[in-house]
Protein backbone atom coordinates (compact mmCIF):
# COMPACT_ATOMS: atom_id res chain seq x y z
CA MET A 1 -6.82 9.16 17.31
CA GLY A 2 -3.96 6.66 17.42
CA THR A 3 -2.07 5.08 14.58
CA ILE A 4 -1.53 1.49 13.52
CA THR A 5 0.91 -0.21 11.17
CA LYS A 6 -0.36 -2.31 8.26
CA GLN A 7 1.60 -4.23 5.64
CA TYR A 8 0.57 -5.45 2.22
CA THR A 9 2.38 -7.59 -0.32
CA LEU A 10 2.33 -6.30 -3.87
CA GLU A 11 2.54 -9.54 -5.84
CA GLY A 12 3.78 -8.94 -9.36
CA LEU A 13 5.54 -5.66 -8.55
CA CYS A 14 8.31 -5.61 -11.13
CA CYS A 15 10.06 -2.26 -10.99
CA GLY A 16 11.14 0.56 -8.75
CA ASN A 17 9.29 3.09 -10.89
CA CYS A 18 5.90 1.50 -10.17
CA ALA A 19 6.84 1.12 -6.50
CA ALA A 20 7.64 4.83 -6.25
CA LYS A 21 4.37 5.83 -7.91
CA ILE A 22 2.33 3.51 -5.67
CA LYS A 23 4.11 4.85 -2.58
CA LYS A 24 3.43 8.45 -3.63
CA ASP A 25 -0.25 7.87 -4.38
CA VAL A 26 -0.92 5.80 -1.24
CA SER A 27 0.83 8.50 0.82
CA LEU A 28 -1.75 10.99 -0.44
CA LEU A 29 -4.70 9.03 1.00
CA ASN A 30 -6.38 10.84 3.86
CA GLY A 31 -5.37 9.16 7.12
CA VAL A 32 -2.12 7.65 5.84
CA ARG A 33 0.72 9.03 7.97
CA SER A 34 3.58 7.27 6.16
CA ALA A 35 4.08 4.76 3.37
CA ASP A 36 7.11 2.83 2.17
CA VAL A 37 7.58 0.15 -0.49
CA ASN A 38 10.46 -2.31 -0.25
CA THR A 39 11.15 -3.30 -3.85
CA ASP A 40 13.20 -6.36 -2.84
CA THR A 41 10.31 -7.92 -0.90
CA ALA A 42 7.40 -6.13 -2.67
CA LEU A 43 6.13 -5.11 0.76
CA LEU A 44 4.09 -1.94 1.30
CA SER A 45 4.33 -0.72 4.91
CA LEU A 46 1.89 1.90 6.17
CA GLU A 47 1.34 3.89 9.31
CA ILE A 48 -2.33 4.89 9.30
CA ASP A 49 -4.94 6.43 11.56
CA SER A 50 -6.57 3.69 13.62
CA GLY A 51 -10.03 4.63 12.30
CA TRP A 52 -9.40 3.21 8.81
CA ASN A 53 -11.67 0.36 7.75
CA PRO A 54 -9.31 -2.44 6.56
CA ASP A 55 -11.58 -3.37 3.63
CA VAL A 56 -11.73 0.22 2.41
CA LEU A 57 -7.97 0.63 2.77
CA SER A 58 -7.27 -2.59 0.88
CA GLY A 59 -9.62 -1.50 -1.89
CA GLU A 60 -7.91 1.88 -2.21
CA ILE A 61 -4.47 0.27 -2.38
CA THR A 62 -5.70 -2.21 -5.00
CA ARG A 63 -7.16 0.63 -7.08
CA ILE A 64 -3.91 2.60 -6.90
CA ALA A 65 -1.72 -0.40 -7.72
CA ALA A 66 -3.90 -1.36 -10.70
CA ALA A 67 -3.65 2.18 -12.07
CA HIS A 68 0.12 1.71 -12.36
CA ASP A 69 0.29 -2.00 -13.25
CA GLU A 70 -2.83 -4.10 -13.72
CA ASP A 71 -0.88 -7.30 -12.94
CA ILE A 72 -0.17 -6.35 -9.31
CA ILE A 73 -2.18 -8.30 -6.74
CA VAL A 74 -2.51 -6.68 -3.31
CA LYS A 75 -2.71 -8.96 -0.26
CA GLU A 76 -2.59 -8.09 3.41
CA ALA A 77 0.71 -9.38 4.80
CA LEU A 78 0.52 -11.75 7.73
CA ALA A 79 2.06 -10.46 10.93
């Protein structure tokens, strides 16, 4: 199975602490090969298995982000 890169904006991300927690928790999702959060741009970059359903992935990221800060809005970044 190949991998793909996906990016999401984390609107409302306000601190490095939340970014680190989100990165850690997203990294633990089955099928996520790597995760990074740029705190300057509030951009979450992922390398994931190509079999991930985008809607499921977005829902998981939203759930994780809300667990750390309910004001964060997750949106798929445009390429």
